[in-house]
Amino acid sequence: MFQERFLFVKRRLKPSERKRFMHITRGLPHLRKRREIIEHLYALFDRRCRTQTALGKLKKLRQWVKRFTWIGETLWIGETLKKVFSPHLEKALTFLDDKLLPATSNAVERGNRRHRKMQKSVYRVRSKVC
């Protein structure tokens, strides 16, 4: 299980990875259910979904997760599932309606690169020769 630990947190599993995950977790229903819940959580952040729709799905997900009290018996799984009930999760979903906000920060960093480069040249220590 330790060697294949990336399967527990990877966002999308290929069919071969899913088969391996199911093989590893046979006899461990709490791990399978945790993976299913996390997949539903990842689906909330799909950019094709609007904020109101995502909030409705989150409400249903929270009701569904409340039924699985037997999952919270394991400490680290219980801690993970507490994040489903975090108020910060609702705030994170507000970016779905903002078309100007990129899905990743790569575009933002790329846009700031020229400004940062100019900043370095302007604020450098000048030598006495100048």
Protein backbone atom coordinates (compact mmCIF):
# COMPACT_ATOMS: atom_id res chain seq x y z
CA MET A 1 0.00 0.00 0.00
CA PHE A 2 2.86 2.39 0.77
CA GLN A 3 4.37 2.01 -2.71
CA GLU A 4 1.05 2.79 -4.37
CA ARG A 5 0.09 5.64 -2.01
CA PHE A 6 -0.17 8.13 -4.90
CA LEU A 7 -3.37 6.34 -5.99
CA PHE A 8 -5.16 7.67 -2.91
CA VAL A 9 -4.65 11.33 -3.78
CA LYS A 10 -4.35 11.40 -7.55
CA ARG A 11 -7.15 13.39 -9.13
CA ARG A 12 -7.95 11.15 -12.08
CA LEU A 13 -7.13 7.47 -12.17
CA LYS A 14 -6.53 5.59 -15.39
CA PRO A 15 -8.42 2.29 -15.73
CA SER A 16 -5.26 0.32 -14.91
CA GLU A 17 -4.63 2.51 -11.82
CA ARG A 18 -8.24 2.12 -10.71
CA LYS A 19 -7.93 -1.66 -11.05
CA ARG A 20 -4.71 -1.58 -8.98
CA PHE A 21 -6.39 0.62 -6.36
CA MET A 22 -9.33 -1.77 -6.08
CA HIS A 23 -6.94 -4.69 -5.72
CA ILE A 24 -4.95 -2.95 -2.97
CA THR A 25 -8.01 -1.89 -0.98
CA ARG A 26 -9.91 -5.17 -1.05
CA GLY A 27 -11.16 -5.79 2.45
CA LEU A 28 -10.76 -2.09 3.33
CA PRO A 29 -14.14 -0.49 2.53
CA HIS A 30 -13.34 2.71 4.43
CA LEU A 31 -10.45 3.46 2.04
CA ARG A 32 -12.61 2.81 -1.01
CA LYS A 33 -15.38 5.03 0.32
CA ARG A 34 -12.89 7.78 1.14
CA ARG A 35 -11.62 7.69 -2.45
CA GLU A 36 -15.20 7.93 -3.73
CA ILE A 37 -15.89 10.95 -1.53
CA ILE A 38 -12.68 12.65 -2.65
CA GLU A 39 -13.63 12.08 -6.32
CA HIS A 40 -16.97 13.83 -5.68
CA LEU A 41 -15.07 16.65 -3.99
CA TYR A 42 -12.77 17.05 -7.00
CA ALA A 43 -15.82 17.14 -9.28
CA LEU A 44 -17.07 20.27 -7.47
CA PHE A 45 -14.14 22.23 -8.87
CA ASP A 46 -14.93 21.47 -12.50
CA ARG A 47 -14.84 24.76 -14.43
CA ARG A 48 -17.90 23.81 -16.50
CA CYS A 49 -20.00 24.07 -13.34
CA ARG A 50 -21.40 27.35 -11.97
CA THR A 51 -20.98 28.38 -8.33
CA GLN A 52 -24.65 27.89 -7.39
CA THR A 53 -24.67 24.41 -8.91
CA ALA A 54 -21.45 23.52 -7.10
CA LEU A 55 -22.87 24.78 -3.79
CA GLY A 56 -25.94 22.59 -4.29
CA LYS A 57 -23.72 19.60 -5.00
CA LEU A 58 -21.64 20.41 -1.92
CA LYS A 59 -24.78 20.44 0.23
CA LYS A 60 -25.76 16.99 -1.07
CA LEU A 61 -22.20 15.73 -0.59
CA ARG A 62 -22.20 16.89 3.03
CA GLN A 63 -25.49 15.10 3.70
CA TRP A 64 -24.10 11.97 2.07
CA VAL A 65 -20.83 12.08 4.06
CA LYS A 66 -22.71 12.47 7.37
CA ARG A 67 -24.12 8.99 6.87
CA PHE A 68 -20.66 7.42 6.93
CA THR A 69 -19.85 7.68 10.62
CA TRP A 70 -17.99 4.38 10.45
CA ILE A 71 -15.38 5.96 8.16
CA GLY A 72 -14.32 8.47 10.79
CA GLU A 73 -13.09 5.70 13.09
CA THR A 74 -9.64 5.91 11.52
CA LEU A 75 -8.03 9.15 12.66
CA TRP A 76 -6.43 10.32 9.41
CA ILE A 77 -9.52 9.53 7.37
CA GLY A 78 -11.73 11.38 9.83
CA GLU A 79 -9.45 14.42 9.65
CA THR A 80 -9.60 14.37 5.85
CA LEU A 81 -13.38 14.19 5.78
CA LYS A 82 -13.71 17.10 8.22
CA LYS A 83 -12.49 19.29 5.38
CA VAL A 84 -15.73 18.57 3.51
CA PHE A 85 -17.52 20.56 6.22
CA SER A 86 -15.05 23.46 6.21
CA PRO A 87 -16.57 26.91 5.52
CA HIS A 88 -13.47 27.72 3.44
CA LEU A 89 -14.59 25.16 0.88
CA GLU A 90 -17.63 27.28 0.00
CA LYS A 91 -15.43 30.34 -0.44
CA ALA A 92 -13.09 28.39 -2.72
CA LEU A 93 -15.99 27.61 -5.05
CA THR A 94 -16.61 31.29 -5.83
CA PHE A 95 -13.86 31.30 -8.45
CA LEU A 96 -16.03 29.14 -10.73
CA ASP A 97 -18.06 32.15 -11.92
CA ASP A 98 -15.04 34.39 -12.49
CA LYS A 99 -13.99 34.02 -16.13
CA LEU A 100 -11.00 36.35 -15.76
CA LEU A 101 -9.44 34.28 -13.01
CA PRO A 102 -7.32 31.48 -14.47
CA ALA A 103 -7.71 27.94 -13.19
CA THR A 104 -4.02 27.78 -12.26
CA SER A 105 -1.52 30.37 -11.19
CA ASN A 106 0.78 29.58 -14.13
CA ALA A 107 -0.83 32.25 -16.31
CA VAL A 108 -0.60 34.77 -13.48
CA GLU A 109 3.07 34.04 -12.92
CA ARG A 110 3.75 34.29 -16.64
CA GLY A 111 1.98 37.65 -16.78
CA ASN A 112 4.01 39.02 -13.87
CA ARG A 113 7.35 37.80 -15.21
CA ARG A 114 8.08 40.94 -17.29
CA HIS A 115 7.21 43.21 -14.37
CA ARG A 116 9.46 41.24 -12.00
CA LYS A 117 12.31 41.31 -14.51
CA MET A 118 12.06 45.10 -14.82
CA GLN A 119 11.88 45.44 -11.05
CA LYS A 120 15.19 43.64 -10.68
CA SER A 121 16.94 45.95 -13.12
CA VAL A 122 15.49 49.16 -11.64
CA TYR A 123 16.20 48.44 -7.97
CA ARG A 124 19.74 47.11 -8.36
CA VAL A 125 22.60 48.66 -6.50
CA ARG A 126 24.53 50.91 -8.85
CA SER A 127 28.26 50.96 -8.91
CA LYS A 128 30.30 54.16 -8.34
CA VAL A 129 31.36 54.16 -11.99
CA CYS A 130 27.85 55.29 -13.05
